[in-house]
Amino acid sequence: MGFSEDQAANARLFGPVGCHQCQGGYQGRIGIYEIVAITGDISRVIMNGGNSIQIAELATKAGFNDLHSSALEKAAQGQTSLAEINRVI
């Protein structure tokens, strides 16, 4: 799935349990998102007409998590399941 060694060693993975109303779903909602601050390098790529691949590479180098990494972190924390991640990403 792409867990880092540290995540894999400490992960507690769960599946949905549900209740009498939802039959196997989740209680509440939690966001899986990707946030990227516009650094100087990213700004230059944007201003020069760069594409999303170039921006993503710079964001990764700057230490920002992509959507998949953020989802895996939520699974490792027990906030969602791998099945739900595969369903929505």
PDB file of N, CA and C in Angstrom:
ATOM      1  N   MET A   1       0.813  -1.203   0.000  1.00  0.00           N
ATOM      2  CA  MET A   1       0.000   0.000   0.000  1.00  0.00           C
ATOM      3  C   MET A   1       0.851   1.259   0.000  1.00  0.00           C
ATOM      4  N   GLY A   2       2.099   1.162   0.402  1.00  0.00           N
ATOM      5  CA  GLY A   2       2.946   2.335   0.390  1.00  0.00           C
ATOM      6  C   GLY A   2       3.280   2.903   1.753  1.00  0.00           C
ATOM      7  N   PHE A   3       2.991   2.168   2.820  1.00  0.00           N
ATOM      8  CA  PHE A   3       3.359   2.643   4.154  1.00  0.00           C
ATOM      9  C   PHE A   3       4.872   2.752   4.274  1.00  0.00           C
ATOM     10  N   SER A   4       5.328   3.765   5.001  1.00  0.00           N
ATOM     11  CA  SER A   4       6.746   3.841   5.324  1.00  0.00           C
ATOM     12  C   SER A   4       7.038   2.745   6.356  1.00  0.00           C
ATOM     13  N   GLU A   5       8.305   2.425   6.570  1.00  0.00           N
ATOM     14  CA  GLU A   5       8.665   1.404   7.563  1.00  0.00           C
ATOM     15  C   GLU A   5       8.152   1.790   8.944  1.00  0.00           C
ATOM     16  N   ASP A   6       8.273   3.066   9.274  1.00  0.00           N
ATOM     17  CA  ASP A   6       7.821   3.557  10.575  1.00  0.00           C
ATOM     18  C   ASP A   6       6.311   3.403  10.715  1.00  0.00           C
ATOM     19  N   GLN A   7       5.563   3.777   9.673  1.00  0.00           N
ATOM     20  CA  GLN A   7       4.108   3.635   9.713  1.00  0.00           C
ATOM     21  C   GLN A   7       3.709   2.168   9.843  1.00  0.00           C
ATOM     22  N   ALA A   8       4.345   1.305   9.061  1.00  0.00           N
ATOM     23  CA  ALA A   8       4.003  -0.116   9.079  1.00  0.00           C
ATOM     24  C   ALA A   8       4.273  -0.732  10.449  1.00  0.00           C
ATOM     25  N   ALA A   9       5.348  -0.304  11.093  1.00  0.00           N
ATOM     26  CA  ALA A   9       5.694  -0.857  12.406  1.00  0.00           C
ATOM     27  C   ALA A   9       4.710  -0.426  13.487  1.00  0.00           C
ATOM     28  N   ASN A  10       4.117   0.745  13.338  1.00  0.00           N
ATOM     29  CA  ASN A  10       3.255   1.301  14.382  1.00  0.00           C
ATOM     30  C   ASN A  10       1.773   1.347  14.016  1.00  0.00           C
ATOM     31  N   ALA A  11       1.414   0.895  12.833  1.00  0.00           N
ATOM     32  CA  ALA A  11       0.028   1.002  12.367  1.00  0.00           C
ATOM     33  C   ALA A  11      -0.890   0.046  13.115  1.00  0.00           C
ATOM     34  N   ARG A  12      -2.088   0.513  13.378  1.00  0.00           N
ATOM     35  CA  ARG A  12      -3.175  -0.318  13.908  1.00  0.00           C
ATOM     36  C   ARG A  12      -4.317  -0.168  12.918  1.00  0.00           C
ATOM     37  N   LEU A  13      -4.444  -1.107  12.019  1.00  0.00           N
ATOM     38  CA  LEU A  13      -5.426  -1.006  10.946  1.00  0.00           C
ATOM     39  C   LEU A  13      -6.765  -1.583  11.380  1.00  0.00           C
ATOM     40  N   PHE A  14      -7.829  -0.918  10.991  1.00  0.00           N
ATOM     41  CA  PHE A  14      -9.190  -1.305  11.343  1.00  0.00           C
ATOM     42  C   PHE A  14     -10.048  -1.334  10.093  1.00  0.00           C
ATOM     43  N   GLY A  15     -11.182  -1.954  10.198  1.00  0.00           N
ATOM     44  CA  GLY A  15     -12.186  -1.933   9.143  1.00  0.00           C
ATOM     45  C   GLY A  15     -13.449  -1.307   9.692  1.00  0.00           C
ATOM     46  N   PRO A  16     -14.387  -0.949   8.827  1.00  0.00           N
ATOM     47  CA  PRO A  16     -15.635  -0.347   9.300  1.00  0.00           C
ATOM     48  C   PRO A  16     -16.457  -1.362  10.081  1.00  0.00           C
ATOM     49  N   VAL A  17     -17.090  -0.895  11.136  1.00  0.00           N
ATOM     50  CA  VAL A  17     -17.932  -1.758  11.955  1.00  0.00           C
ATOM     51  C   VAL A  17     -19.396  -1.483  11.671  1.00  0.00           C
ATOM     52  N   GLY A  18     -19.744  -0.215  11.604  1.00  0.00           N
ATOM     53  CA  GLY A  18     -21.126   0.161  11.322  1.00  0.00           C
ATOM     54  C   GLY A  18     -22.020   0.057  12.539  1.00  0.00           C
ATOM     55  N   CYS A  19     -23.297   0.276  12.314  1.00  0.00           N
ATOM     56  CA  CYS A  19     -24.294   0.206  13.373  1.00  0.00           C
ATOM     57  C   CYS A  19     -25.589  -0.314  12.761  1.00  0.00           C
ATOM     58  N   HIS A  20     -26.658  -0.336  13.516  1.00  0.00           N
ATOM     59  CA  HIS A  20     -27.915  -0.861  12.990  1.00  0.00           C
ATOM     60  C   HIS A  20     -28.491   0.006  11.864  1.00  0.00           C
ATOM     61  N   GLN A  21     -28.044   1.258  11.749  1.00  0.00           N
ATOM     62  CA  GLN A  21     -28.554   2.138  10.703  1.00  0.00           C
ATOM     63  C   GLN A  21     -27.724   2.092   9.418  1.00  0.00           C
ATOM     64  N   CYS A  22     -26.392   2.036   9.552  1.00  0.00           N
ATOM     65  CA  CYS A  22     -25.561   2.161   8.349  1.00  0.00           C
ATOM     66  C   CYS A  22     -25.049   0.832   7.808  1.00  0.00           C
ATOM     67  N   GLN A  23     -25.133  -0.239   8.589  1.00  0.00           N
ATOM     68  CA  GLN A  23     -24.757  -1.571   8.117  1.00  0.00           C
ATOM     69  C   GLN A  23     -23.350  -1.641   7.522  1.00  0.00           C
ATOM     70  N   GLY A  24     -22.344  -1.301   8.299  1.00  0.00           N
ATOM     71  CA  GLY A  24     -20.966  -1.465   7.852  1.00  0.00           C
ATOM     72  C   GLY A  24     -20.253  -0.189   7.483  1.00  0.00           C
ATOM     73  N   GLY A  25     -20.779   0.942   7.857  1.00  0.00           N
ATOM     74  CA  GLY A  25     -20.163   2.210   7.482  1.00  0.00           C
ATOM     75  C   GLY A  25     -19.312   2.802   8.576  1.00  0.00           C
ATOM     76  N   TYR A  26     -19.173   4.086   8.548  1.00  0.00           N
ATOM     77  CA  TYR A  26     -18.324   4.817   9.472  1.00  0.00           C
ATOM     78  C   TYR A  26     -19.142   5.854  10.216  1.00  0.00           C
ATOM     79  N   GLN A  27     -18.744   6.146  11.439  1.00  0.00           N
ATOM     80  CA  GLN A  27     -19.384   7.209  12.195  1.00  0.00           C
ATOM     81  C   GLN A  27     -18.657   8.508  11.904  1.00  0.00           C
ATOM     82  N   GLY A  28     -19.389   9.536  11.554  1.00  0.00           N
ATOM     83  CA  GLY A  28     -18.788  10.835  11.286  1.00  0.00           C
ATOM     84  C   GLY A  28     -17.990  10.838   9.995  1.00  0.00           C
ATOM     85  N   ARG A  29     -17.274  11.906   9.782  1.00  0.00           N
ATOM     86  CA  ARG A  29     -16.462  12.044   8.573  1.00  0.00           C
ATOM     87  C   ARG A  29     -15.095  12.569   8.956  1.00  0.00           C
ATOM     88  N   ILE A  30     -14.111  12.175   8.195  1.00  0.00           N
ATOM     89  CA  ILE A  30     -12.760  12.715   8.372  1.00  0.00           C
ATOM     90  C   ILE A  30     -12.231  13.034   6.982  1.00  0.00           C
ATOM     91  N   GLY A  31     -11.608  14.157   6.853  1.00  0.00           N
ATOM     92  CA  GLY A  31     -11.096  14.563   5.548  1.00  0.00           C
ATOM     93  C   GLY A  31      -9.740  13.945   5.234  1.00  0.00           C
ATOM     94  N   ILE A  32      -9.593  13.567   4.000  1.00  0.00           N
ATOM     95  CA  ILE A  32      -8.287  13.168   3.471  1.00  0.00           C
ATOM     96  C   ILE A  32      -7.966  14.224   2.426  1.00  0.00           C
ATOM     97  N   TYR A  33      -6.912  14.951   2.654  1.00  0.00           N
ATOM     98  CA  TYR A  33      -6.645  16.105   1.803  1.00  0.00           C
ATOM     99  C   TYR A  33      -5.158  16.314   1.586  1.00  0.00           C
ATOM    100  N   GLU A  34      -4.873  17.126   0.602  1.00  0.00           N
ATOM    101  CA  GLU A  34      -3.502  17.486   0.262  1.00  0.00           C
ATOM    102  C   GLU A  34      -3.423  19.004   0.303  1.00  0.00           C
ATOM    103  N   ILE A  35      -2.524  19.514   1.116  1.00  0.00           N
ATOM    104  CA  ILE A  35      -2.345  20.960   1.222  1.00  0.00           C
ATOM    105  C   ILE A  35      -0.917  21.288   0.823  1.00  0.00           C
ATOM    106  N   VAL A  36      -0.778  22.239  -0.078  1.00  0.00           N
ATOM    107  CA  VAL A  36       0.547  22.645  -0.538  1.00  0.00           C
ATOM    108  C   VAL A  36       0.644  24.170  -0.440  1.00  0.00           C
ATOM    109  N   ALA A  37       1.588  24.634   0.338  1.00  0.00           N
ATOM    110  CA  ALA A  37       1.858  26.071   0.388  1.00  0.00           C
ATOM    111  C   ALA A  37       2.642  26.450  -0.863  1.00  0.00           C
ATOM    112  N   ILE A  38       2.380  27.619  -1.364  1.00  0.00           N
ATOM    113  CA  ILE A  38       3.073  28.083  -2.566  1.00  0.00           C
ATOM    114  C   ILE A  38       4.427  28.664  -2.147  1.00  0.00           C
ATOM    115  N   THR A  39       5.454  27.842  -2.306  1.00  0.00           N
ATOM    116  CA  THR A  39       6.809  28.279  -1.995  1.00  0.00           C
ATOM    117  C   THR A  39       7.335  29.122  -3.162  1.00  0.00           C
ATOM    118  N   GLY A  40       8.490  29.708  -2.970  1.00  0.00           N
ATOM    119  CA  GLY A  40       9.095  30.488  -4.050  1.00  0.00           C
ATOM    120  C   GLY A  40       9.326  29.654  -5.301  1.00  0.00           C
ATOM    121  N   ASP A  41       9.844  28.442  -5.117  1.00  0.00           N
ATOM    122  CA  ASP A  41      10.084  27.561  -6.266  1.00  0.00           C
ATOM    123  C   ASP A  41       8.793  27.182  -6.970  1.00  0.00           C
ATOM    124  N   ILE A  42       7.771  26.840  -6.201  1.00  0.00           N
ATOM    125  CA  ILE A  42       6.484  26.472  -6.803  1.00  0.00           C
ATOM    126  C   ILE A  42       5.881  27.674  -7.521  1.00  0.00           C
ATOM    127  N   SER A  43       6.006  28.843  -6.923  1.00  0.00           N
ATOM    128  CA  SER A  43       5.492  30.061  -7.547  1.00  0.00           C
ATOM    129  C   SER A  43       6.155  30.307  -8.907  1.00  0.00           C
ATOM    130  N   ARG A  44       7.460  30.112  -8.981  1.00  0.00           N
ATOM    131  CA  ARG A  44       8.169  30.308 -10.251  1.00  0.00           C
ATOM    132  C   ARG A  44       7.691  29.325 -11.314  1.00  0.00           C
ATOM    133  N   VAL A  45       7.464  28.070 -10.918  1.00  0.00           N
ATOM    134  CA  VAL A  45       6.975  27.073 -11.881  1.00  0.00           C
ATOM    135  C   VAL A  45       5.591  27.473 -12.389  1.00  0.00           C
ATOM    136  N   ILE A  46       4.733  27.921 -11.491  1.00  0.00           N
ATOM    137  CA  ILE A  46       3.388  28.351 -11.890  1.00  0.00           C
ATOM    138  C   ILE A  46       3.471  29.535 -12.845  1.00  0.00           C
ATOM    139  N   MET A  47       4.265  30.535 -12.492  1.00  0.00           N
ATOM    140  CA  MET A  47       4.374  31.749 -13.316  1.00  0.00           C
ATOM    141  C   MET A  47       4.985  31.456 -14.684  1.00  0.00           C
ATOM    142  N   ASN A  48       5.800  30.401 -14.768  1.00  0.00           N
ATOM    143  CA  ASN A  48       6.411  30.035 -16.046  1.00  0.00           C
ATOM    144  C   ASN A  48       5.590  28.999 -16.815  1.00  0.00           C
ATOM    145  N   GLY A  49       4.353  28.777 -16.369  1.00  0.00           N
ATOM    146  CA  GLY A  49       3.463  27.872 -17.092  1.00  0.00           C
ATOM    147  C   GLY A  49       3.747  26.404 -16.864  1.00  0.00           C
ATOM    148  N   GLY A  50       4.357  26.075 -15.723  1.00  0.00           N
ATOM    149  CA  GLY A  50       4.667  24.689 -15.417  1.00  0.00           C
ATOM    150  C   GLY A  50       3.424  23.837 -15.270  1.00  0.00           C
ATOM    151  N   ASN A  51       3.621  22.535 -15.288  1.00  0.00           N
ATOM    152  CA  ASN A  51       2.480  21.634 -15.194  1.00  0.00           C
ATOM    153  C   ASN A  51       2.368  21.034 -13.787  1.00  0.00           C
ATOM    154  N   SER A  52       1.309  20.263 -13.582  1.00  0.00           N
ATOM    155  CA  SER A  52       1.035  19.712 -12.255  1.00  0.00           C
ATOM    156  C   SER A  52       2.104  18.712 -11.810  1.00  0.00           C
ATOM    157  N   ILE A  53       2.729  18.036 -12.737  1.00  0.00           N
ATOM    158  CA  ILE A  53       3.785  17.080 -12.377  1.00  0.00           C
ATOM    159  C   ILE A  53       4.985  17.828 -11.798  1.00  0.00           C
ATOM    160  N   GLN A  54       5.366  18.928 -12.412  1.00  0.00           N
ATOM    161  CA  GLN A  54       6.476  19.728 -11.904  1.00  0.00           C
ATOM    162  C   GLN A  54       6.159  20.295 -10.518  1.00  0.00           C
ATOM    163  N   ILE A  55       4.931  20.759 -10.349  1.00  0.00           N
ATOM    164  CA  ILE A  55       4.515  21.317  -9.059  1.00  0.00           C
ATOM    165  C   ILE A  55       4.532  20.224  -7.993  1.00  0.00           C
ATOM    166  N   ALA A  56       4.020  19.043  -8.320  1.00  0.00           N
ATOM    167  CA  ALA A  56       3.994  17.926  -7.368  1.00  0.00           C
ATOM    168  C   ALA A  56       5.411  17.515  -6.959  1.00  0.00           C
ATOM    169  N   GLU A  57       6.325  17.499  -7.906  1.00  0.00           N
ATOM    170  CA  GLU A  57       7.715  17.143  -7.585  1.00  0.00           C
ATOM    171  C   GLU A  57       8.322  18.139  -6.609  1.00  0.00           C
ATOM    172  N   LEU A  58       8.093  19.422  -6.847  1.00  0.00           N
ATOM    173  CA  LEU A  58       8.622  20.442  -5.942  1.00  0.00           C
ATOM    174  C   LEU A  58       7.960  20.356  -4.570  1.00  0.00           C
ATOM    175  N   ALA A  59       6.660  20.090  -4.538  1.00  0.00           N
ATOM    176  CA  ALA A  59       5.949  19.979  -3.265  1.00  0.00           C
ATOM    177  C   ALA A  59       6.499  18.810  -2.452  1.00  0.00           C
ATOM    178  N   THR A  60       6.763  17.695  -3.112  1.00  0.00           N
ATOM    179  CA  THR A  60       7.331  16.530  -2.423  1.00  0.00           C
ATOM    180  C   THR A  60       8.707  16.865  -1.873  1.00  0.00           C
ATOM    181  N   LYS A  61       9.533  17.522  -2.679  1.00  0.00           N
ATOM    182  CA  LYS A  61      10.867  17.919  -2.218  1.00  0.00           C
ATOM    183  C   LYS A  61      10.799  18.863  -1.027  1.00  0.00           C
ATOM    184  N   ALA A  62       9.743  19.698  -0.985  1.00  0.00           N
ATOM    185  CA  ALA A  62       9.576  20.654   0.113  1.00  0.00           C
ATOM    186  C   ALA A  62       8.976  20.001   1.354  1.00  0.00           C
ATOM    187  N   GLY A  63       8.610  18.712   1.254  1.00  0.00           N
ATOM    188  CA  GLY A  63       8.119  17.994   2.426  1.00  0.00           C
ATOM    189  C   GLY A  63       6.615  17.924   2.585  1.00  0.00           C
ATOM    190  N   PHE A  64       5.867  18.325   1.575  1.00  0.00           N
ATOM    191  CA  PHE A  64       4.412  18.249   1.653  1.00  0.00           C
ATOM    192  C   PHE A  64       3.947  16.832   1.331  1.00  0.00           C
ATOM    193  N   ASN A  65       2.943  16.339   2.061  1.00  0.00           N
ATOM    194  CA  ASN A  65       2.381  15.016   1.806  1.00  0.00           C
ATOM    195  C   ASN A  65       1.392  15.079   0.644  1.00  0.00           C
ATOM    196  N   ASP A  66       1.447  14.075  -0.222  1.00  0.00           N
ATOM    197  CA  ASP A  66       0.440  14.000  -1.278  1.00  0.00           C
ATOM    198  C   ASP A  66      -0.816  13.329  -0.726  1.00  0.00           C
ATOM    199  N   LEU A  67      -1.852  13.237  -1.544  1.00  0.00           N
ATOM    200  CA  LEU A  67      -3.137  12.704  -1.111  1.00  0.00           C
ATOM    201  C   LEU A  67      -3.013  11.264  -0.626  1.00  0.00           C
ATOM    202  N   HIS A  68      -2.260  10.453  -1.323  1.00  0.00           N
ATOM    203  CA  HIS A  68      -2.103   9.046  -0.950  1.00  0.00           C
ATOM    204  C   HIS A  68      -1.402   8.919   0.403  1.00  0.00           C
ATOM    205  N   SER A  69      -0.345   9.682   0.612  1.00  0.00           N
ATOM    206  CA  SER A  69       0.372   9.647   1.898  1.00  0.00           C
ATOM    207  C   SER A  69      -0.528  10.094   3.044  1.00  0.00           C
ATOM    208  N   SER A  70      -1.328  11.121   2.799  1.00  0.00           N
ATOM    209  CA  SER A  70      -2.251  11.589   3.838  1.00  0.00           C
ATOM    210  C   SER A  70      -3.277  10.521   4.180  1.00  0.00           C
ATOM    211  N   ALA A  71      -3.760   9.813   3.165  1.00  0.00           N
ATOM    212  CA  ALA A  71      -4.727   8.741   3.392  1.00  0.00           C
ATOM    213  C   ALA A  71      -4.105   7.607   4.196  1.00  0.00           C
ATOM    214  N   LEU A  72      -2.884   7.212   3.850  1.00  0.00           N
ATOM    215  CA  LEU A  72      -2.213   6.145   4.590  1.00  0.00           C
ATOM    216  C   LEU A  72      -1.986   6.535   6.046  1.00  0.00           C
ATOM    217  N   GLU A  73      -1.673   7.795   6.290  1.00  0.00           N
ATOM    218  CA  GLU A  73      -1.490   8.262   7.664  1.00  0.00           C
ATOM    219  C   GLU A  73      -2.782   8.115   8.451  1.00  0.00           C
ATOM    220  N   LYS A  74      -3.920   8.442   7.845  1.00  0.00           N
ATOM    221  CA  LYS A  74      -5.216   8.281   8.522  1.00  0.00           C
ATOM    222  C   LYS A  74      -5.485   6.806   8.813  1.00  0.00           C
ATOM    223  N   ALA A  75      -5.138   5.912   7.885  1.00  0.00           N
ATOM    224  CA  ALA A  75      -5.329   4.476   8.110  1.00  0.00           C
ATOM    225  C   ALA A  75      -4.425   3.994   9.232  1.00  0.00           C
ATOM    226  N   ALA A  76      -3.177   4.440   9.246  1.00  0.00           N
ATOM    227  CA  ALA A  76      -2.228   4.030  10.290  1.00  0.00           C
ATOM    228  C   ALA A  76      -2.683   4.499  11.666  1.00  0.00           C
ATOM    229  N   GLN A  77      -3.416   5.602  11.717  1.00  0.00           N
ATOM    230  CA  GLN A  77      -3.935   6.130  12.978  1.00  0.00           C
ATOM    231  C   GLN A  77      -5.253   5.481  13.374  1.00  0.00           C
ATOM    232  N   GLY A  78      -5.771   4.604  12.515  1.00  0.00           N
ATOM    233  CA  GLY A  78      -7.030   3.931  12.812  1.00  0.00           C
ATOM    234  C   GLY A  78      -8.257   4.772  12.533  1.00  0.00           C
ATOM    235  N   GLN A  79      -8.105   5.838  11.738  1.00  0.00           N
ATOM    236  CA  GLN A  79      -9.222   6.731  11.462  1.00  0.00           C
ATOM    237  C   GLN A  79     -10.019   6.333  10.226  1.00  0.00           C
ATOM    238  N   THR A  80      -9.467   5.469   9.393  1.00  0.00           N
ATOM    239  CA  THR A  80     -10.177   4.948   8.233  1.00  0.00           C
ATOM    240  C   THR A  80      -9.561   3.601   7.879  1.00  0.00           C
ATOM    241  N   SER A  81     -10.138   2.934   6.907  1.00  0.00           N
ATOM    242  CA  SER A  81      -9.635   1.616   6.523  1.00  0.00           C
ATOM    243  C   SER A  81      -8.960   1.668   5.168  1.00  0.00           C
ATOM    244  N   LEU A  82      -8.146   0.671   4.874  1.00  0.00           N
ATOM    245  CA  LEU A  82      -7.511   0.583   3.564  1.00  0.00           C
ATOM    246  C   LEU A  82      -8.563   0.409   2.477  1.00  0.00           C
ATOM    247  N   ALA A  83      -9.638  -0.311   2.781  1.00  0.00           N
ATOM    248  CA  ALA A  83     -10.717  -0.488   1.798  1.00  0.00           C
ATOM    249  C   ALA A  83     -11.343   0.850   1.439  1.00  0.00           C
ATOM    250  N   GLU A  84     -11.542   1.702   2.424  1.00  0.00           N
ATOM    251  CA  GLU A  84     -12.124   3.026   2.136  1.00  0.00           C
ATOM    252  C   GLU A  84     -11.185   3.897   1.346  1.00  0.00           C
ATOM    253  N   ILE A  85      -9.894   3.810   1.647  1.00  0.00           N
ATOM    254  CA  ILE A  85      -8.905   4.566   0.868  1.00  0.00           C
ATOM    255  C   ILE A  85      -8.938   4.119  -0.588  1.00  0.00           C
ATOM    256  N   ASN A  86      -8.940   2.808  -0.807  1.00  0.00           N
ATOM    257  CA  ASN A  86      -8.987   2.297  -2.184  1.00  0.00           C
ATOM    258  C   ASN A  86     -10.271   2.693  -2.898  1.00  0.00           C
ATOM    259  N   ARG A  87     -11.355   2.841  -2.145  1.00  0.00           N
ATOM    260  CA  ARG A  87     -12.627   3.220  -2.754  1.00  0.00           C
ATOM    261  C   ARG A  87     -12.637   4.670  -3.234  1.00  0.00           C
ATOM    262  N   VAL A  88     -11.975   5.555  -2.488  1.00  0.00           N
ATOM    263  CA  VAL A  88     -12.100   6.981  -2.786  1.00  0.00           C
ATOM    264  C   VAL A  88     -10.900   7.594  -3.492  1.00  0.00           C
ATOM    265  N   ILE A  89      -9.763   6.911  -3.496  1.00  0.00           N
ATOM    266  CA  ILE A  89      -8.597   7.499  -4.150  1.00  0.00           C
ATOM    267  C   ILE A  89      -8.308   6.757  -5.438  1.00  0.00           C
TER     268      ILE A  89
END
